[in-house]
Full PDB file with SEQRES, HELIX, SHEET, SSBOND, CRYST1, ORIGX, SCALE, CONECT and MASTER records, all heavy atoms in Angstrom:
SEQRES   1 A   41  LEU TYR ASP VAL ALA PHE LEU ASP GLU GLN ARG GLY LEU          
SEQRES   2 A   41  ALA VAL GLY ALA MET GLY VAL ILE LEU SER THR ASN ASP          
SEQRES   3 A   41  GLY GLY ALA SER TRP ARG ARG VAL SER ARG GLU PRO HIS          
SEQRES   4 A   41  ARG ALA                                                      
HELIX    1 AA1 ALA A   17  GLY A   19  5                                   3    
SHEET    1 AA1 4 ASP A   3  PHE A   6  0                                        
SHEET    2 AA1 4 GLY A  12  VAL A  15 -1                                        
SHEET    3 AA1 4 ILE A  21  THR A  24 -1                                        
SHEET    4 AA1 4 ARG A  32  ARG A  33 -1                                        
CRYST1    1.000    1.000    1.000  90.00  90.00  90.00 P 1           1          
ORIGX1      1.000000  0.000000  0.000000        0.00000                         
ORIGX2      0.000000  1.000000  0.000000        0.00000                         
ORIGX3      0.000000  0.000000  1.000000        0.00000                         
SCALE1      1.000000  0.000000  0.000000        0.00000                         
SCALE2      0.000000  1.000000  0.000000        0.00000                         
SCALE3      0.000000  0.000000  1.000000        0.00000                         
ATOM      1  N   LEU A   1       0.859  -1.186   0.000  1.00  0.00           N  
ATOM      2  CA  LEU A   1       0.000   0.000   0.000  1.00  0.00           C  
ATOM      3  C   LEU A   1       0.890   1.230   0.000  1.00  0.00           C  
ATOM      4  O   LEU A   1       1.902   1.270   0.699  1.00  0.00           O  
ATOM      5  CB  LEU A   1      -0.919  -0.004   1.219  1.00  0.00           C  
ATOM      6  CG  LEU A   1      -1.942  -1.137   1.253  1.00  0.00           C  
ATOM      7  CD1 LEU A   1      -2.693  -1.150   2.578  1.00  0.00           C  
ATOM      8  CD2 LEU A   1      -2.907  -1.033   0.084  1.00  0.00           C  
ATOM      9  N   TYR A   2       0.518   2.238  -0.784  1.00  0.00           N  
ATOM     10  CA  TYR A   2       1.343   3.428  -0.949  1.00  0.00           C  
ATOM     11  C   TYR A   2       0.832   4.655  -0.207  1.00  0.00           C  
ATOM     12  O   TYR A   2       1.596   5.539   0.134  1.00  0.00           O  
ATOM     13  CB  TYR A   2       1.479   3.778  -2.427  1.00  0.00           C  
ATOM     14  CG  TYR A   2       2.081   2.687  -3.271  1.00  0.00           C  
ATOM     15  CD1 TYR A   2       1.583   2.415  -4.538  1.00  0.00           C  
ATOM     16  CD2 TYR A   2       3.141   1.915  -2.804  1.00  0.00           C  
ATOM     17  CE1 TYR A   2       2.130   1.423  -5.321  1.00  0.00           C  
ATOM     18  CE2 TYR A   2       3.693   0.912  -3.581  1.00  0.00           C  
ATOM     19  CZ  TYR A   2       3.191   0.677  -4.841  1.00  0.00           C  
ATOM     20  OH  TYR A   2       3.717  -0.312  -5.621  1.00  0.00           O  
ATOM     21  N   ASP A   3      -0.465   4.724   0.010  1.00  0.00           N  
ATOM     22  CA  ASP A   3      -1.017   5.924   0.648  1.00  0.00           C  
ATOM     23  C   ASP A   3      -2.342   5.575   1.309  1.00  0.00           C  
ATOM     24  O   ASP A   3      -3.022   4.644   0.905  1.00  0.00           O  
ATOM     25  CB  ASP A   3      -1.228   7.021  -0.390  1.00  0.00           C  
ATOM     26  CG  ASP A   3      -1.305   8.416   0.223  1.00  0.00           C  
ATOM     27  OD1 ASP A   3      -1.195   8.539   1.465  1.00  0.00           O  
ATOM     28  OD2 ASP A   3      -1.477   9.376  -0.528  1.00  0.00           O  
ATOM     29  N   VAL A   4      -2.680   6.350   2.327  1.00  0.00           N  
ATOM     30  CA  VAL A   4      -3.950   6.201   3.017  1.00  0.00           C  
ATOM     31  C   VAL A   4      -4.444   7.593   3.379  1.00  0.00           C  
ATOM     32  O   VAL A   4      -3.647   8.473   3.711  1.00  0.00           O  
ATOM     33  CB  VAL A   4      -3.809   5.302   4.274  1.00  0.00           C  
ATOM     34  CG1 VAL A   4      -2.856   5.878   5.281  1.00  0.00           C  
ATOM     35  CG2 VAL A   4      -5.159   5.018   4.906  1.00  0.00           C  
ATOM     36  N   ALA A   5      -5.738   7.808   3.252  1.00  0.00           N  
ATOM     37  CA  ALA A   5      -6.328   9.108   3.588  1.00  0.00           C  
ATOM     38  C   ALA A   5      -7.728   8.879   4.140  1.00  0.00           C  
ATOM     39  O   ALA A   5      -8.435   7.962   3.712  1.00  0.00           O  
ATOM     40  CB  ALA A   5      -6.396  10.003   2.358  1.00  0.00           C  
ATOM     41  N   PHE A   6      -8.112   9.725   5.087  1.00  0.00           N  
ATOM     42  CA  PHE A   6      -9.435   9.630   5.695  1.00  0.00           C  
ATOM     43  C   PHE A   6     -10.215  10.904   5.419  1.00  0.00           C  
ATOM     44  O   PHE A   6      -9.676  12.013   5.526  1.00  0.00           O  
ATOM     45  CB  PHE A   6      -9.310   9.377   7.198  1.00  0.00           C  
ATOM     46  CG  PHE A   6      -9.174   7.920   7.530  1.00  0.00           C  
ATOM     47  CD1 PHE A   6      -7.987   7.260   7.306  1.00  0.00           C  
ATOM     48  CD2 PHE A   6     -10.250   7.203   8.027  1.00  0.00           C  
ATOM     49  CE1 PHE A   6      -7.857   5.911   7.583  1.00  0.00           C  
ATOM     50  CE2 PHE A   6     -10.144   5.848   8.299  1.00  0.00           C  
ATOM     51  CZ  PHE A   6      -8.942   5.205   8.077  1.00  0.00           C  
ATOM     52  N   LEU A   7     -11.489  10.721   5.077  1.00  0.00           N  
ATOM     53  CA  LEU A   7     -12.392  11.847   4.856  1.00  0.00           C  
ATOM     54  C   LEU A   7     -12.909  12.390   6.181  1.00  0.00           C  
ATOM     55  O   LEU A   7     -13.178  13.576   6.315  1.00  0.00           O  
ATOM     56  CB  LEU A   7     -13.568  11.408   3.986  1.00  0.00           C  
ATOM     57  CG  LEU A   7     -13.188  10.820   2.626  1.00  0.00           C  
ATOM     58  CD1 LEU A   7     -14.394  10.193   1.963  1.00  0.00           C  
ATOM     59  CD2 LEU A   7     -12.576  11.897   1.757  1.00  0.00           C  
ATOM     60  N   ASP A   8     -13.077  11.501   7.144  1.00  0.00           N  
ATOM     61  CA  ASP A   8     -13.494  11.848   8.493  1.00  0.00           C  
ATOM     62  C   ASP A   8     -13.014  10.724   9.403  1.00  0.00           C  
ATOM     63  O   ASP A   8     -12.200   9.903   8.979  1.00  0.00           O  
ATOM     64  CB  ASP A   8     -15.017  12.070   8.577  1.00  0.00           C  
ATOM     65  CG  ASP A   8     -15.840  10.895   8.064  1.00  0.00           C  
ATOM     66  OD1 ASP A   8     -15.430   9.722   8.271  1.00  0.00           O  
ATOM     67  OD2 ASP A   8     -16.899  11.134   7.467  1.00  0.00           O  
ATOM     68  N   GLU A   9     -13.489  10.626  10.617  1.00  0.00           N  
ATOM     69  CA  GLU A   9     -12.991   9.616  11.552  1.00  0.00           C  
ATOM     70  C   GLU A   9     -13.355   8.186  11.149  1.00  0.00           C  
ATOM     71  O   GLU A   9     -12.713   7.239  11.595  1.00  0.00           O  
ATOM     72  CB  GLU A   9     -13.496   9.895  12.965  1.00  0.00           C  
ATOM     73  CG  GLU A   9     -12.819  11.084  13.592  1.00  0.00           C  
ATOM     74  CD  GLU A   9     -13.167  11.232  15.063  1.00  0.00           C  
ATOM     75  OE1 GLU A   9     -13.655  10.259  15.671  1.00  0.00           O  
ATOM     76  OE2 GLU A   9     -12.936  12.321  15.587  1.00  0.00           O  
ATOM     77  N   GLN A  10     -14.359   8.013  10.308  1.00  0.00           N  
ATOM     78  CA  GLN A  10     -14.825   6.679   9.937  1.00  0.00           C  
ATOM     79  C   GLN A  10     -14.472   6.253   8.518  1.00  0.00           C  
ATOM     80  O   GLN A  10     -14.151   5.098   8.279  1.00  0.00           O  
ATOM     81  CB  GLN A  10     -16.349   6.591  10.114  1.00  0.00           C  
ATOM     82  CG  GLN A  10     -16.809   6.796  11.546  1.00  0.00           C  
ATOM     83  CD  GLN A  10     -16.261   5.723  12.464  1.00  0.00           C  
ATOM     84  OE1 GLN A  10     -16.351   4.543  12.178  1.00  0.00           O  
ATOM     85  NE2 GLN A  10     -15.675   6.135  13.579  1.00  0.00           N  
ATOM     86  N   ARG A  11     -14.525   7.164   7.568  1.00  0.00           N  
ATOM     87  CA  ARG A  11     -14.388   6.821   6.153  1.00  0.00           C  
ATOM     88  C   ARG A  11     -12.994   7.103   5.629  1.00  0.00           C  
ATOM     89  O   ARG A  11     -12.514   8.233   5.707  1.00  0.00           O  
ATOM     90  CB  ARG A  11     -15.406   7.584   5.315  1.00  0.00           C  
ATOM     91  CG  ARG A  11     -16.835   7.262   5.706  1.00  0.00           C  
ATOM     92  CD  ARG A  11     -17.824   8.073   4.922  1.00  0.00           C  
ATOM     93  NE  ARG A  11     -17.611   9.503   5.201  1.00  0.00           N  
ATOM     94  CZ  ARG A  11     -17.893  10.475   4.347  1.00  0.00           C  
ATOM     95  NH1 ARG A  11     -18.375  10.205   3.161  1.00  0.00           N  
ATOM     96  NH2 ARG A  11     -17.687  11.731   4.685  1.00  0.00           N  
ATOM     97  N   GLY A  12     -12.351   6.044   5.074  1.00  0.00           N  
ATOM     98  CA  GLY A  12     -11.009   6.205   4.543  1.00  0.00           C  
ATOM     99  C   GLY A  12     -10.753   5.326   3.337  1.00  0.00           C  
ATOM    100  O   GLY A  12     -11.501   4.382   3.059  1.00  0.00           O  
ATOM    101  N   LEU A  13      -9.674   5.642   2.616  1.00  0.00           N  
ATOM    102  CA  LEU A  13      -9.239   4.891   1.444  1.00  0.00           C  
ATOM    103  C   LEU A  13      -7.748   4.625   1.550  1.00  0.00           C  
ATOM    104  O   LEU A  13      -6.993   5.465   2.049  1.00  0.00           O  
ATOM    105  CB  LEU A  13      -9.493   5.673   0.161  1.00  0.00           C  
ATOM    106  CG  LEU A  13     -10.942   5.930  -0.211  1.00  0.00           C  
ATOM    107  CD1 LEU A  13     -11.018   6.936  -1.344  1.00  0.00           C  
ATOM    108  CD2 LEU A  13     -11.616   4.631  -0.617  1.00  0.00           C  
ATOM    109  N   ALA A  14      -7.321   3.472   1.059  1.00  0.00           N  
ATOM    110  CA  ALA A  14      -5.905   3.150   0.929  1.00  0.00           C  
ATOM    111  C   ALA A  14      -5.682   2.687  -0.505  1.00  0.00           C  
ATOM    112  O   ALA A  14      -6.520   1.972  -1.058  1.00  0.00           O  
ATOM    113  CB  ALA A  14      -5.502   2.058   1.916  1.00  0.00           C  
ATOM    114  N   VAL A  15      -4.581   3.106  -1.108  1.00  0.00           N  
ATOM    115  CA  VAL A  15      -4.270   2.729  -2.489  1.00  0.00           C  
ATOM    116  C   VAL A  15      -2.899   2.089  -2.530  1.00  0.00           C  
ATOM    117  O   VAL A  15      -2.023   2.395  -1.716  1.00  0.00           O  
ATOM    118  CB  VAL A  15      -4.335   3.940  -3.443  1.00  0.00           C  
ATOM    119  CG1 VAL A  15      -5.743   4.493  -3.503  1.00  0.00           C  
ATOM    120  CG2 VAL A  15      -3.363   5.020  -3.023  1.00  0.00           C  
ATOM    121  N   GLY A  16      -2.714   1.180  -3.516  1.00  0.00           N  
ATOM    122  CA  GLY A  16      -1.446   0.487  -3.562  1.00  0.00           C  
ATOM    123  C   GLY A  16      -1.103  -0.086  -4.915  1.00  0.00           C  
ATOM    124  O   GLY A  16      -1.652   0.308  -5.946  1.00  0.00           O  
ATOM    125  N   ALA A  17      -0.188  -1.061  -4.878  1.00  0.00           N  
ATOM    126  CA  ALA A  17       0.365  -1.677  -6.073  1.00  0.00           C  
ATOM    127  C   ALA A  17      -0.722  -2.318  -6.921  1.00  0.00           C  
ATOM    128  O   ALA A  17      -1.738  -2.794  -6.410  1.00  0.00           O  
ATOM    129  CB  ALA A  17       1.400  -2.728  -5.673  1.00  0.00           C  
ATOM    130  N   MET A  18      -0.483  -2.310  -8.227  1.00  0.00           N  
ATOM    131  CA  MET A  18      -1.356  -2.947  -9.213  1.00  0.00           C  
ATOM    132  C   MET A  18      -2.784  -2.422  -9.150  1.00  0.00           C  
ATOM    133  O   MET A  18      -3.744  -3.151  -9.422  1.00  0.00           O  
ATOM    134  CB  MET A  18      -1.298  -4.470  -9.072  1.00  0.00           C  
ATOM    135  CG  MET A  18       0.099  -5.020  -9.342  1.00  0.00           C  
ATOM    136  SD  MET A  18       0.217  -6.790  -9.231  1.00  0.00           S  
ATOM    137  CE  MET A  18      -0.729  -7.273 -10.662  1.00  0.00           C  
ATOM    138  N   GLY A  19      -2.952  -1.178  -8.746  1.00  0.00           N  
ATOM    139  CA  GLY A  19      -4.259  -0.544  -8.755  1.00  0.00           C  
ATOM    140  C   GLY A  19      -5.189  -0.912  -7.619  1.00  0.00           C  
ATOM    141  O   GLY A  19      -6.373  -0.627  -7.679  1.00  0.00           O  
ATOM    142  N   VAL A  20      -4.663  -1.542  -6.575  1.00  0.00           N  
ATOM    143  CA  VAL A  20      -5.529  -1.937  -5.464  1.00  0.00           C  
ATOM    144  C   VAL A  20      -6.065  -0.688  -4.753  1.00  0.00           C  
ATOM    145  O   VAL A  20      -5.336   0.271  -4.529  1.00  0.00           O  
ATOM    146  CB  VAL A  20      -4.813  -2.880  -4.475  1.00  0.00           C  
ATOM    147  CG1 VAL A  20      -3.730  -2.183  -3.703  1.00  0.00           C  
ATOM    148  CG2 VAL A  20      -5.807  -3.506  -3.522  1.00  0.00           C  
ATOM    149  N   ILE A  21      -7.342  -0.696  -4.461  1.00  0.00           N  
ATOM    150  CA  ILE A  21      -7.993   0.373  -3.701  1.00  0.00           C  
ATOM    151  C   ILE A  21      -8.811  -0.294  -2.607  1.00  0.00           C  
ATOM    152  O   ILE A  21      -9.626  -1.176  -2.880  1.00  0.00           O  
ATOM    153  CB  ILE A  21      -8.920   1.241  -4.582  1.00  0.00           C  
ATOM    154  CG1 ILE A  21      -8.136   1.851  -5.737  1.00  0.00           C  
ATOM    155  CG2 ILE A  21      -9.597   2.324  -3.731  1.00  0.00           C  
ATOM    156  CD1 ILE A  21      -9.020   2.538  -6.770  1.00  0.00           C  
ATOM    157  N   LEU A  22      -8.567   0.111  -1.368  1.00  0.00           N  
ATOM    158  CA  LEU A  22      -9.308  -0.412  -0.224  1.00  0.00           C  
ATOM    159  C   LEU A  22     -10.097   0.715   0.414  1.00  0.00           C  
ATOM    160  O   LEU A  22      -9.651   1.867   0.411  1.00  0.00           O  
ATOM    161  CB  LEU A  22      -8.348  -0.997   0.815  1.00  0.00           C  
ATOM    162  CG  LEU A  22      -7.382  -2.070   0.342  1.00  0.00           C  
ATOM    163  CD1 LEU A  22      -6.437  -2.454   1.480  1.00  0.00           C  
ATOM    164  CD2 LEU A  22      -8.127  -3.279  -0.165  1.00  0.00           C  
ATOM    165  N   SER A  23     -11.239   0.395   0.989  1.00  0.00           N  
ATOM    166  CA  SER A  23     -12.018   1.415   1.696  1.00  0.00           C  
ATOM    167  C   SER A  23     -12.444   0.888   3.056  1.00  0.00           C  
ATOM    168  O   SER A  23     -12.541  -0.322   3.272  1.00  0.00           O  
ATOM    169  CB  SER A  23     -13.244   1.830   0.883  1.00  0.00           C  
ATOM    170  OG  SER A  23     -14.208   0.808   0.874  1.00  0.00           O  
ATOM    171  N   THR A  24     -12.686   1.820   3.957  1.00  0.00           N  
ATOM    172  CA  THR A  24     -13.217   1.498   5.278  1.00  0.00           C  
ATOM    173  C   THR A  24     -14.304   2.496   5.617  1.00  0.00           C  
ATOM    174  O   THR A  24     -14.226   3.671   5.241  1.00  0.00           O  
ATOM    175  CB  THR A  24     -12.113   1.507   6.359  1.00  0.00           C  
ATOM    176  OG1 THR A  24     -12.688   1.135   7.612  1.00  0.00           O  
ATOM    177  CG2 THR A  24     -11.441   2.863   6.496  1.00  0.00           C  
ATOM    178  N   ASN A  25     -15.318   2.033   6.307  1.00  0.00           N  
ATOM    179  CA  ASN A  25     -16.395   2.898   6.785  1.00  0.00           C  
ATOM    180  C   ASN A  25     -16.531   2.824   8.300  1.00  0.00           C  
ATOM    181  O   ASN A  25     -17.491   3.338   8.865  1.00  0.00           O  
ATOM    182  CB  ASN A  25     -17.732   2.504   6.140  1.00  0.00           C  
ATOM    183  CG  ASN A  25     -17.769   2.863   4.678  1.00  0.00           C  
ATOM    184  OD1 ASN A  25     -17.332   3.936   4.287  1.00  0.00           O  
ATOM    185  ND2 ASN A  25     -18.274   1.963   3.860  1.00  0.00           N  
ATOM    186  N   ASP A  26     -15.563   2.151   8.940  1.00  0.00           N  
ATOM    187  CA  ASP A  26     -15.629   1.969  10.393  1.00  0.00           C  
ATOM    188  C   ASP A  26     -14.309   2.334  11.080  1.00  0.00           C  
ATOM    189  O   ASP A  26     -13.881   1.682  12.015  1.00  0.00           O  
ATOM    190  CB  ASP A  26     -16.051   0.548  10.737  1.00  0.00           C  
ATOM    191  CG  ASP A  26     -15.128  -0.507  10.131  1.00  0.00           C  
ATOM    192  OD1 ASP A  26     -14.044  -0.157   9.615  1.00  0.00           O  
ATOM    193  OD2 ASP A  26     -15.499  -1.692  10.176  1.00  0.00           O  
ATOM    194  N   GLY A  27     -13.664   3.382  10.582  1.00  0.00           N  
ATOM    195  CA  GLY A  27     -12.440   3.863  11.209  1.00  0.00           C  
ATOM    196  C   GLY A  27     -11.254   2.930  11.063  1.00  0.00           C  
ATOM    197  O   GLY A  27     -10.315   2.986  11.847  1.00  0.00           O  
ATOM    198  N   GLY A  28     -11.261   2.062  10.044  1.00  0.00           N  
ATOM    199  CA  GLY A  28     -10.150   1.169   9.794  1.00  0.00           C  
ATOM    200  C   GLY A  28     -10.263  -0.191  10.437  1.00  0.00           C  
ATOM    201  O   GLY A  28      -9.399  -1.038  10.253  1.00  0.00           O  
ATOM    202  N   ALA A  29     -11.323  -0.446  11.187  1.00  0.00           N  
ATOM    203  CA  ALA A  29     -11.496  -1.750  11.820  1.00  0.00           C  
ATOM    204  C   ALA A  29     -11.619  -2.854  10.773  1.00  0.00           C  
ATOM    205  O   ALA A  29     -11.136  -3.963  10.972  1.00  0.00           O  
ATOM    206  CB  ALA A  29     -12.715  -1.745  12.730  1.00  0.00           C  
ATOM    207  N   SER A  30     -12.241  -2.544   9.641  1.00  0.00           N  
ATOM    208  CA  SER A  30     -12.318  -3.500   8.544  1.00  0.00           C  
ATOM    209  C   SER A  30     -12.091  -2.751   7.234  1.00  0.00           C  
ATOM    210  O   SER A  30     -12.427  -1.574   7.110  1.00  0.00           O  
ATOM    211  CB  SER A  30     -13.674  -4.214   8.529  1.00  0.00           C  
ATOM    212  OG  SER A  30     -14.717  -3.284   8.295  1.00  0.00           O  
ATOM    213  N   TRP A  31     -11.490  -3.458   6.286  1.00  0.00           N  
ATOM    214  CA  TRP A  31     -11.178  -2.898   4.968  1.00  0.00           C  
ATOM    215  C   TRP A  31     -11.774  -3.808   3.913  1.00  0.00           C  
ATOM    216  O   TRP A  31     -11.780  -5.014   4.058  1.00  0.00           O  
ATOM    217  CB  TRP A  31      -9.668  -2.809   4.770  1.00  0.00           C  
ATOM    218  CG  TRP A  31      -9.021  -1.824   5.683  1.00  0.00           C  
ATOM    219  CD1 TRP A  31      -8.580  -2.053   6.953  1.00  0.00           C  
ATOM    220  CD2 TRP A  31      -8.773  -0.456   5.421  1.00  0.00           C  
ATOM    221  NE1 TRP A  31      -8.063  -0.912   7.498  1.00  0.00           N  
ATOM    222  CE2 TRP A  31      -8.160   0.092   6.579  1.00  0.00           C  
ATOM    223  CE3 TRP A  31      -8.988   0.384   4.335  1.00  0.00           C  
ATOM    224  CZ2 TRP A  31      -7.777   1.425   6.655  1.00  0.00           C  
ATOM    225  CZ3 TRP A  31      -8.598   1.704   4.409  1.00  0.00           C  
ATOM    226  CH2 TRP A  31      -8.001   2.216   5.558  1.00  0.00           C  
ATOM    227  N   ARG A  32     -12.257  -3.225   2.821  1.00  0.00           N  
ATOM    228  CA  ARG A  32     -12.757  -4.020   1.705  1.00  0.00           C  
ATOM    229  C   ARG A  32     -12.163  -3.480   0.408  1.00  0.00           C  
ATOM    230  O   ARG A  32     -11.892  -2.287   0.282  1.00  0.00           O  
ATOM    231  CB  ARG A  32     -14.276  -4.037   1.634  1.00  0.00           C  
ATOM    232  CG  ARG A  32     -14.896  -2.722   1.258  1.00  0.00           C  
ATOM    233  CD  ARG A  32     -16.409  -2.860   1.088  1.00  0.00           C  
ATOM    234  NE  ARG A  32     -16.969  -1.591   0.678  1.00  0.00           N  
ATOM    235  CZ  ARG A  32     -17.045  -1.168  -0.582  1.00  0.00           C  
ATOM    236  NH1 ARG A  32     -16.591  -1.909  -1.560  1.00  0.00           N  
ATOM    237  NH2 ARG A  32     -17.570   0.006  -0.872  1.00  0.00           N  
ATOM    238  N   ARG A  33     -11.936  -4.402  -0.526  1.00  0.00           N  
ATOM    239  CA  ARG A  33     -11.359  -4.024  -1.817  1.00  0.00           C  
ATOM    240  C   ARG A  33     -12.424  -3.332  -2.659  1.00  0.00           C  
ATOM    241  O   ARG A  33     -13.525  -3.867  -2.818  1.00  0.00           O  
ATOM    242  CB  ARG A  33     -10.837  -5.258  -2.539  1.00  0.00           C  
ATOM    243  CG  ARG A  33     -10.085  -4.914  -3.816  1.00  0.00           C  
ATOM    244  CD  ARG A  33      -9.664  -6.161  -4.540  1.00  0.00           C  
ATOM    245  NE  ARG A  33      -8.771  -6.955  -3.761  1.00  0.00           N  
ATOM    246  CZ  ARG A  33      -7.459  -7.000  -3.964  1.00  0.00           C  
ATOM    247  NH1 ARG A  33      -6.917  -6.296  -4.923  1.00  0.00           N  
ATOM    248  NH2 ARG A  33      -6.696  -7.757  -3.195  1.00  0.00           N  
ATOM    249  N   VAL A  34     -12.093  -2.158  -3.167  1.00  0.00           N  
ATOM    250  CA  VAL A  34     -12.995  -1.424  -4.053  1.00  0.00           C  
ATOM    251  C   VAL A  34     -12.754  -1.853  -5.487  1.00  0.00           C  
ATOM    252  O   VAL A  34     -13.687  -2.089  -6.246  1.00  0.00           O  
ATOM    253  CB  VAL A  34     -12.810   0.101  -3.906  1.00  0.00           C  
ATOM    254  CG1 VAL A  34     -13.643   0.860  -4.904  1.00  0.00           C  
ATOM    255  CG2 VAL A  34     -13.127   0.534  -2.486  1.00  0.00           C  
ATOM    256  N   SER A  35     -11.487  -1.963  -5.883  1.00  0.00           N  
ATOM    257  CA  SER A  35     -11.158  -2.420  -7.211  1.00  0.00           C  
ATOM    258  C   SER A  35     -11.393  -3.929  -7.301  1.00  0.00           C  
ATOM    259  O   SER A  35     -11.222  -4.642  -6.319  1.00  0.00           O  
ATOM    260  CB  SER A  35      -9.710  -2.077  -7.564  1.00  0.00           C  
ATOM    261  OG  SER A  35      -8.832  -2.582  -6.589  1.00  0.00           O  
ATOM    262  N   ARG A  36     -11.777  -4.420  -8.451  1.00  0.00           N  
ATOM    263  CA  ARG A  36     -12.140  -5.830  -8.575  1.00  0.00           C  
ATOM    264  C   ARG A  36     -10.943  -6.757  -8.486  1.00  0.00           C  
ATOM    265  O   ARG A  36     -10.863  -7.576  -7.617  1.00  0.00           O  
ATOM    266  CB  ARG A  36     -12.873  -6.049  -9.898  1.00  0.00           C  
ATOM    267  CG  ARG A  36     -14.191  -5.328  -9.896  1.00  0.00           C  
ATOM    268  CD  ARG A  36     -14.911  -5.571 -11.160  1.00  0.00           C  
ATOM    269  NE  ARG A  36     -16.067  -4.693 -11.164  1.00  0.00           N  
ATOM    270  CZ  ARG A  36     -17.040  -4.781 -11.995  1.00  0.00           C  
ATOM    271  NH1 ARG A  36     -17.014  -5.704 -12.909  1.00  0.00           N  
ATOM    272  NH2 ARG A  36     -18.042  -3.951 -11.929  1.00  0.00           N  
ATOM    273  N   GLU A  37     -10.030  -6.673  -9.400  1.00  0.00           N  
ATOM    274  CA  GLU A  37      -8.846  -7.525  -9.415  1.00  0.00           C  
ATOM    275  C   GLU A  37      -7.623  -6.644  -9.594  1.00  0.00           C  
ATOM    276  O   GLU A  37      -7.681  -5.655 -10.323  1.00  0.00           O  
ATOM    277  CB  GLU A  37      -8.913  -8.521 -10.574  1.00  0.00           C  
ATOM    278  CG  GLU A  37     -10.018  -9.550 -10.442  1.00  0.00           C  
ATOM    279  CD  GLU A  37      -9.810 -10.476  -9.263  1.00  0.00           C  
ATOM    280  OE1 GLU A  37      -8.658 -10.797  -8.949  1.00  0.00           O  
ATOM    281  OE2 GLU A  37     -10.823 -10.865  -8.645  1.00  0.00           O  
ATOM    282  N   PRO A  38      -6.505  -6.997  -8.966  1.00  0.00           N  
ATOM    283  CA  PRO A  38      -5.281  -6.232  -9.198  1.00  0.00           C  
ATOM    284  C   PRO A  38      -4.899  -6.282 -10.683  1.00  0.00           C  
ATOM    285  O   PRO A  38      -5.079  -7.322 -11.328  1.00  0.00           O  
ATOM    286  CB  PRO A  38      -4.233  -6.964  -8.357  1.00  0.00           C  
ATOM    287  CG  PRO A  38      -5.010  -7.734  -7.364  1.00  0.00           C  
ATOM    288  CD  PRO A  38      -6.320  -8.066  -8.010  1.00  0.00           C  
ATOM    289  N   HIS A  39      -4.434  -5.182 -11.210  1.00  0.00           N  
ATOM    290  CA  HIS A  39      -4.004  -5.123 -12.605  1.00  0.00           C  
ATOM    291  C   HIS A  39      -2.924  -4.071 -12.764  1.00  0.00           C  
ATOM    292  O   HIS A  39      -2.843  -3.137 -11.988  1.00  0.00           O  
ATOM    293  CB  HIS A  39      -5.182  -4.840 -13.530  1.00  0.00           C  
ATOM    294  CG  HIS A  39      -5.861  -3.541 -13.214  1.00  0.00           C  
ATOM    295  ND1 HIS A  39      -6.788  -3.432 -12.210  1.00  0.00           N  
ATOM    296  CD2 HIS A  39      -5.726  -2.303 -13.725  1.00  0.00           C  
ATOM    297  CE1 HIS A  39      -7.208  -2.171 -12.138  1.00  0.00           C  
ATOM    298  NE2 HIS A  39      -6.583  -1.473 -13.050  1.00  0.00           N  
ATOM    299  N   ARG A  40      -2.118  -4.261 -13.762  1.00  0.00           N  
ATOM    300  CA  ARG A  40      -1.059  -3.305 -14.056  1.00  0.00           C  
ATOM    301  C   ARG A  40      -1.588  -2.268 -15.040  1.00  0.00           C  
ATOM    302  O   ARG A  40      -2.269  -2.604 -15.998  1.00  0.00           O  
ATOM    303  CB  ARG A  40       0.150  -4.001 -14.671  1.00  0.00           C  
ATOM    304  CG  ARG A  40       0.848  -4.915 -13.711  1.00  0.00           C  
ATOM    305  CD  ARG A  40       2.134  -5.404 -14.361  1.00  0.00           C  
ATOM    306  NE  ARG A  40       2.730  -6.420 -13.548  1.00  0.00           N  
ATOM    307  CZ  ARG A  40       3.553  -6.185 -12.549  1.00  0.00           C  
ATOM    308  NH1 ARG A  40       3.865  -4.955 -12.236  1.00  0.00           N  
ATOM    309  NH2 ARG A  40       4.064  -7.177 -11.842  1.00  0.00           N  
ATOM    310  N   ALA A  41      -1.237  -1.016 -14.788  1.00  0.00           N  
ATOM    311  CA  ALA A  41      -1.556   0.032 -15.760  1.00  0.00           C  
ATOM    312  C   ALA A  41      -0.452   0.025 -16.817  1.00  0.00           C  
ATOM    313  O   ALA A  41       0.720   0.069 -16.491  1.00  0.00           O  
ATOM    314  CB  ALA A  41      -1.640   1.389 -15.057  1.00  0.00           C  
TER     315      ALA A  41                                                      
MASTER        0    0    0    1    4    0    0    6  314    1    0    4          
END                                                                             
């Protein structure tokens, strides 16, 4: 993972290698993949 940013105390995004995007809606307690499959640009 290359970067992480939060919109508020609960909602955040993390981005990383091969286009991976993760999101959280519970302050980071759980993360889910937003992008479907990792892929190279």
